[in-house]
Amino acid sequence: DAATGDLLASGVLDRVQPPPAVLAISR
C-alpha cells in the first residue's frame, strides 16, 4: 500500500501517452 501510494503520487505513470501505462513484472 505504501509503495503503490508513492508510485501513484509520483506522477511517473501519467507521463505515458496514450494512457494507461503498460507494466511488466520483473524479478
PDB file of all heavy atoms in Angstrom:
ATOM      1  N   ASP A   1       0.825  -1.207   0.000  1.00  0.00           N
ATOM      2  CA  ASP A   1       0.000   0.000   0.000  1.00  0.00           C
ATOM      3  C   ASP A   1       0.864   1.263   0.000  1.00  0.00           C
ATOM      4  O   ASP A   1       0.563   2.223  -0.708  1.00  0.00           O
ATOM      5  CB  ASP A   1      -0.953   0.005   1.194  1.00  0.00           C
ATOM      6  CG  ASP A   1      -2.015  -1.088   1.101  1.00  0.00           C
ATOM      7  OD1 ASP A   1      -2.156  -1.714   0.028  1.00  0.00           O
ATOM      8  OD2 ASP A   1      -2.705  -1.322   2.118  1.00  0.00           O
ATOM      9  N   ALA A   2       1.951   1.253   0.771  1.00  0.00           N
ATOM     10  CA  ALA A   2       2.846   2.415   0.807  1.00  0.00           C
ATOM     11  C   ALA A   2       3.517   2.623  -0.543  1.00  0.00           C
ATOM     12  O   ALA A   2       3.585   3.752  -1.050  1.00  0.00           O
ATOM     13  CB  ALA A   2       3.905   2.238   1.898  1.00  0.00           C
ATOM     14  N   ALA A   3       3.994   1.547  -1.154  1.00  0.00           N
ATOM     15  CA  ALA A   3       4.661   1.654  -2.451  1.00  0.00           C
ATOM     16  C   ALA A   3       3.691   2.116  -3.533  1.00  0.00           C
ATOM     17  O   ALA A   3       4.022   2.987  -4.344  1.00  0.00           O
ATOM     18  CB  ALA A   3       5.293   0.315  -2.835  1.00  0.00           C
ATOM     19  N   THR A   4       2.495   1.567  -3.533  1.00  0.00           N
ATOM     20  CA  THR A   4       1.504   1.940  -4.545  1.00  0.00           C
ATOM     21  C   THR A   4       1.116   3.410  -4.410  1.00  0.00           C
ATOM     22  O   THR A   4       1.048   4.132  -5.404  1.00  0.00           O
ATOM     23  CB  THR A   4       0.250   1.055  -4.435  1.00  0.00           C
ATOM     24  OG1 THR A   4       0.643  -0.309  -4.567  1.00  0.00           O
ATOM     25  CG2 THR A   4      -0.753   1.391  -5.518  1.00  0.00           C
ATOM     26  N   GLY A   5       0.870   3.845  -3.189  1.00  0.00           N
ATOM     27  CA  GLY A   5       0.530   5.255  -2.961  1.00  0.00           C
ATOM     28  C   GLY A   5       1.637   6.183  -3.418  1.00  0.00           C
ATOM     29  O   GLY A   5       1.385   7.208  -4.060  1.00  0.00           O
ATOM     30  N   ASP A   6       2.874   5.814  -3.107  1.00  0.00           N
ATOM     31  CA  ASP A   6       4.028   6.618  -3.513  1.00  0.00           C
ATOM     32  C   ASP A   6       4.182   6.644  -5.033  1.00  0.00           C
ATOM     33  O   ASP A   6       4.439   7.695  -5.622  1.00  0.00           O
ATOM     34  CB  ASP A   6       5.294   6.065  -2.850  1.00  0.00           C
ATOM     35  CG  ASP A   6       6.497   6.941  -3.108  1.00  0.00           C
ATOM     36  OD1 ASP A   6       6.421   8.161  -2.859  1.00  0.00           O
ATOM     37  OD2 ASP A   6       7.528   6.399  -3.573  1.00  0.00           O
ATOM     38  N   LEU A   7       4.004   5.487  -5.671  1.00  0.00           N
ATOM     39  CA  LEU A   7       4.127   5.419  -7.132  1.00  0.00           C
ATOM     40  C   LEU A   7       3.048   6.261  -7.815  1.00  0.00           C
ATOM     41  O   LEU A   7       3.339   7.034  -8.732  1.00  0.00           O
ATOM     42  CB  LEU A   7       4.046   3.969  -7.607  1.00  0.00           C
ATOM     43  CG  LEU A   7       4.069   3.731  -9.123  1.00  0.00           C
ATOM     44  CD1 LEU A   7       5.311   4.343  -9.764  1.00  0.00           C
ATOM     45  CD2 LEU A   7       3.987   2.244  -9.419  1.00  0.00           C
ATOM     46  N   LEU A   8       1.822   6.166  -7.365  1.00  0.00           N
ATOM     47  CA  LEU A   8       0.735   6.951  -7.964  1.00  0.00           C
ATOM     48  C   LEU A   8       0.944   8.448  -7.738  1.00  0.00           C
ATOM     49  O   LEU A   8       0.690   9.256  -8.633  1.00  0.00           O
ATOM     50  CB  LEU A   8      -0.616   6.503  -7.414  1.00  0.00           C
ATOM     51  CG  LEU A   8      -1.070   5.103  -7.851  1.00  0.00           C
ATOM     52  CD1 LEU A   8      -2.308   4.671  -7.087  1.00  0.00           C
ATOM     53  CD2 LEU A   8      -1.311   5.065  -9.355  1.00  0.00           C
ATOM     54  N   ALA A   9       1.447   8.807  -6.568  1.00  0.00           N
ATOM     55  CA  ALA A   9       1.672  10.226  -6.263  1.00  0.00           C
ATOM     56  C   ALA A   9       2.860  10.803  -7.032  1.00  0.00           C
ATOM     57  O   ALA A   9       2.911  12.018  -7.265  1.00  0.00           O
ATOM     58  CB  ALA A   9       1.905  10.402  -4.761  1.00  0.00           C
ATOM     59  N   SER A  10       3.781   9.956  -7.468  1.00  0.00           N
ATOM     60  CA  SER A  10       4.974  10.437  -8.177  1.00  0.00           C
ATOM     61  C   SER A  10       4.652  11.037  -9.535  1.00  0.00           C
ATOM     62  O   SER A  10       5.415  11.846 -10.050  1.00  0.00           O
ATOM     63  CB  SER A  10       5.990   9.300  -8.343  1.00  0.00           C
ATOM     64  OG  SER A  10       5.570   8.402  -9.369  1.00  0.00           O
ATOM     65  N   GLY A  11       3.561  10.610 -10.155  1.00  0.00           N
ATOM     66  CA  GLY A  11       3.178  11.116 -11.468  1.00  0.00           C
ATOM     67  C   GLY A  11       3.893  10.446 -12.631  1.00  0.00           C
ATOM     68  O   GLY A  11       3.612  10.762 -13.784  1.00  0.00           O
ATOM     69  N   VAL A  12       4.793   9.517 -12.367  1.00  0.00           N
ATOM     70  CA  VAL A  12       5.552   8.889 -13.443  1.00  0.00           C
ATOM     71  C   VAL A  12       4.645   8.113 -14.404  1.00  0.00           C
ATOM     72  O   VAL A  12       4.902   8.087 -15.608  1.00  0.00           O
ATOM     73  CB  VAL A  12       6.699   8.007 -12.882  1.00  0.00           C
ATOM     74  CG1 VAL A  12       6.186   6.748 -12.234  1.00  0.00           C
ATOM     75  CG2 VAL A  12       7.710   7.666 -13.951  1.00  0.00           C
ATOM     76  N   LEU A  13       3.578   7.523 -13.911  1.00  0.00           N
ATOM     77  CA  LEU A  13       2.663   6.774 -14.775  1.00  0.00           C
ATOM     78  C   LEU A  13       1.839   7.692 -15.668  1.00  0.00           C
ATOM     79  O   LEU A  13       1.378   7.283 -16.741  1.00  0.00           O
ATOM     80  CB  LEU A  13       1.739   5.895 -13.924  1.00  0.00           C
ATOM     81  CG  LEU A  13       2.420   4.834 -13.061  1.00  0.00           C
ATOM     82  CD1 LEU A  13       1.397   4.132 -12.175  1.00  0.00           C
ATOM     83  CD2 LEU A  13       3.176   3.834 -13.920  1.00  0.00           C
ATOM     84  N   ASP A  14       1.666   8.948 -15.250  1.00  0.00           N
ATOM     85  CA  ASP A  14       0.870   9.909 -16.017  1.00  0.00           C
ATOM     86  C   ASP A  14       1.599  10.406 -17.264  1.00  0.00           C
ATOM     87  O   ASP A  14       0.984  11.016 -18.134  1.00  0.00           O
ATOM     88  CB  ASP A  14       0.507  11.112 -15.135  1.00  0.00           C
ATOM     89  CG  ASP A  14      -0.352  10.703 -13.948  1.00  0.00           C
ATOM     90  OD1 ASP A  14      -1.217   9.819 -14.119  1.00  0.00           O
ATOM     91  OD2 ASP A  14      -0.149  11.262 -12.856  1.00  0.00           O
ATOM     92  N   ARG A  15       2.894  10.172 -17.352  1.00  0.00           N
ATOM     93  CA  ARG A  15       3.684  10.659 -18.491  1.00  0.00           C
ATOM     94  C   ARG A  15       3.522   9.799 -19.740  1.00  0.00           C
ATOM     95  O   ARG A  15       3.966  10.194 -20.814  1.00  0.00           O
ATOM     96  CB  ARG A  15       5.162  10.699 -18.108  1.00  0.00           C
ATOM     97  CG  ARG A  15       5.453  11.627 -16.958  1.00  0.00           C
ATOM     98  CD  ARG A  15       6.930  11.621 -16.611  1.00  0.00           C
ATOM     99  NE  ARG A  15       7.111  12.094 -15.254  1.00  0.00           N
ATOM    100  CZ  ARG A  15       8.091  11.731 -14.457  1.00  0.00           C
ATOM    101  NH1 ARG A  15       9.007  10.883 -14.877  1.00  0.00           N
ATOM    102  NH2 ARG A  15       8.171  12.204 -13.230  1.00  0.00           N
ATOM    103  N   VAL A  16       2.915   8.627 -19.597  1.00  0.00           N
ATOM    104  CA  VAL A  16       2.781   7.703 -20.723  1.00  0.00           C
ATOM    105  C   VAL A  16       1.608   8.127 -21.597  1.00  0.00           C
ATOM    106  O   VAL A  16       0.502   8.353 -21.113  1.00  0.00           O
ATOM    107  CB  VAL A  16       2.583   6.259 -20.220  1.00  0.00           C
ATOM    108  CG1 VAL A  16       2.291   5.316 -21.365  1.00  0.00           C
ATOM    109  CG2 VAL A  16       3.805   5.802 -19.441  1.00  0.00           C
ATOM    110  N   GLN A  17       1.865   8.232 -22.887  1.00  0.00           N
ATOM    111  CA  GLN A  17       0.820   8.555 -23.853  1.00  0.00           C
ATOM    112  C   GLN A  17       0.784   7.489 -24.933  1.00  0.00           C
ATOM    113  O   GLN A  17       1.819   7.178 -25.496  1.00  0.00           O
ATOM    114  CB  GLN A  17       1.071   9.932 -24.480  1.00  0.00           C
ATOM    115  CG  GLN A  17       0.970  11.084 -23.511  1.00  0.00           C
ATOM    116  CD  GLN A  17      -0.391  11.159 -22.849  1.00  0.00           C
ATOM    117  OE1 GLN A  17      -1.420  10.912 -23.469  1.00  0.00           O
ATOM    118  NE2 GLN A  17      -0.401  11.485 -21.563  1.00  0.00           N
ATOM    119  N   PRO A  18      -0.321   6.906 -25.258  1.00  0.00           N
ATOM    120  CA  PRO A  18      -1.628   7.062 -24.613  1.00  0.00           C
ATOM    121  C   PRO A  18      -1.684   6.260 -23.319  1.00  0.00           C
ATOM    122  O   PRO A  18      -1.033   5.229 -23.203  1.00  0.00           O
ATOM    123  CB  PRO A  18      -2.592   6.488 -25.646  1.00  0.00           C
ATOM    124  CG  PRO A  18      -1.812   5.431 -26.348  1.00  0.00           C
ATOM    125  CD  PRO A  18      -0.397   5.949 -26.377  1.00  0.00           C
ATOM    126  N   PRO A  19      -2.449   6.773 -22.351  1.00  0.00           N
ATOM    127  CA  PRO A  19      -2.614   6.018 -21.107  1.00  0.00           C
ATOM    128  C   PRO A  19      -3.519   4.807 -21.342  1.00  0.00           C
ATOM    129  O   PRO A  19      -4.235   4.772 -22.339  1.00  0.00           O
ATOM    130  CB  PRO A  19      -3.255   7.038 -20.166  1.00  0.00           C
ATOM    131  CG  PRO A  19      -3.871   8.057 -21.037  1.00  0.00           C
ATOM    132  CD  PRO A  19      -3.144   8.044 -22.347  1.00  0.00           C
ATOM    133  N   PRO A  20      -3.542   3.858 -20.474  1.00  0.00           N
ATOM    134  CA  PRO A  20      -2.750   3.703 -19.266  1.00  0.00           C
ATOM    135  C   PRO A  20      -1.366   3.136 -19.575  1.00  0.00           C
ATOM    136  O   PRO A  20      -1.139   2.569 -20.646  1.00  0.00           O
ATOM    137  CB  PRO A  20      -3.567   2.712 -18.433  1.00  0.00           C
ATOM    138  CG  PRO A  20      -4.246   1.849 -19.446  1.00  0.00           C
ATOM    139  CD  PRO A  20      -4.542   2.766 -20.615  1.00  0.00           C
ATOM    140  N   ALA A  21      -0.467   3.299 -18.630  1.00  0.00           N
ATOM    141  CA  ALA A  21       0.873   2.736 -18.771  1.00  0.00           C
ATOM    142  C   ALA A  21       0.793   1.212 -18.729  1.00  0.00           C
ATOM    143  O   ALA A  21      -0.038   0.653 -18.029  1.00  0.00           O
ATOM    144  CB  ALA A  21       1.759   3.239 -17.641  1.00  0.00           C
ATOM    145  N   VAL A  22       1.660   0.573 -19.509  1.00  0.00           N
ATOM    146  CA  VAL A  22       1.733  -0.895 -19.508  1.00  0.00           C
ATOM    147  C   VAL A  22       2.938  -1.302 -18.670  1.00  0.00           C
ATOM    148  O   VAL A  22       4.058  -0.849 -18.903  1.00  0.00           O
ATOM    149  CB  VAL A  22       1.847  -1.460 -20.943  1.00  0.00           C
ATOM    150  CG1 VAL A  22       1.988  -2.974 -20.903  1.00  0.00           C
ATOM    151  CG2 VAL A  22       0.645  -1.039 -21.785  1.00  0.00           C
ATOM    152  N   LEU A  23       2.680  -2.159 -17.697  1.00  0.00           N
ATOM    153  CA  LEU A  23       3.683  -2.574 -16.734  1.00  0.00           C
ATOM    154  C   LEU A  23       3.936  -4.075 -16.870  1.00  0.00           C
ATOM    155  O   LEU A  23       3.000  -4.858 -16.973  1.00  0.00           O
ATOM    156  CB  LEU A  23       3.154  -2.263 -15.335  1.00  0.00           C
ATOM    157  CG  LEU A  23       3.992  -2.564 -14.126  1.00  0.00           C
ATOM    158  CD1 LEU A  23       5.187  -1.620 -14.083  1.00  0.00           C
ATOM    159  CD2 LEU A  23       3.149  -2.381 -12.872  1.00  0.00           C
ATOM    160  N   ALA A  24       5.205  -4.458 -16.892  1.00  0.00           N
ATOM    161  CA  ALA A  24       5.575  -5.873 -16.853  1.00  0.00           C
ATOM    162  C   ALA A  24       6.265  -6.131 -15.514  1.00  0.00           C
ATOM    163  O   ALA A  24       6.980  -5.272 -14.994  1.00  0.00           O
ATOM    164  CB  ALA A  24       6.514  -6.225 -18.006  1.00  0.00           C
ATOM    165  N   ILE A  25       6.045  -7.292 -14.964  1.00  0.00           N
ATOM    166  CA  ILE A  25       6.646  -7.646 -13.683  1.00  0.00           C
ATOM    167  C   ILE A  25       7.959  -8.373 -13.946  1.00  0.00           C
ATOM    168  O   ILE A  25       8.006  -9.370 -14.665  1.00  0.00           O
ATOM    169  CB  ILE A  25       5.703  -8.536 -12.842  1.00  0.00           C
ATOM    170  CG1 ILE A  25       4.358  -7.842 -12.639  1.00  0.00           C
ATOM    171  CG2 ILE A  25       6.346  -8.900 -11.512  1.00  0.00           C
ATOM    172  CD1 ILE A  25       4.420  -6.491 -11.962  1.00  0.00           C
ATOM    173  N   SER A  26       9.017  -7.851 -13.358  1.00  0.00           N
ATOM    174  CA  SER A  26      10.340  -8.450 -13.493  1.00  0.00           C
ATOM    175  C   SER A  26      10.630  -9.304 -12.257  1.00  0.00           C
ATOM    176  O   SER A  26       9.713  -9.738 -11.564  1.00  0.00           O
ATOM    177  CB  SER A  26      11.387  -7.350 -13.680  1.00  0.00           C
ATOM    178  OG  SER A  26      12.648  -7.908 -13.980  1.00  0.00           O
ATOM    179  N   ARG A  27      11.871  -9.458 -11.951  1.00  0.00           N
ATOM    180  CA  ARG A  27      12.288 -10.329 -10.857  1.00  0.00           C
ATOM    181  C   ARG A  27      12.071  -9.669  -9.489  1.00  0.00           C
ATOM    182  O   ARG A  27      12.371  -8.503  -9.295  1.00  0.00           O
ATOM    183  CB  ARG A  27      13.755 -10.681 -11.015  1.00  0.00           C
ATOM    184  CG  ARG A  27      14.260 -11.617  -9.957  1.00  0.00           C
ATOM    185  CD  ARG A  27      15.721 -11.914 -10.067  1.00  0.00           C
ATOM    186  NE  ARG A  27      16.260 -11.526 -11.339  1.00  0.00           N
ATOM    187  CZ  ARG A  27      17.286 -12.082 -11.930  1.00  0.00           C
ATOM    188  NH1 ARG A  27      17.911 -13.060 -11.346  1.00  0.00           N
ATOM    189  NH2 ARG A  27      17.726 -11.653 -13.079  1.00  0.00           N
TER     190      ARG A  27
END
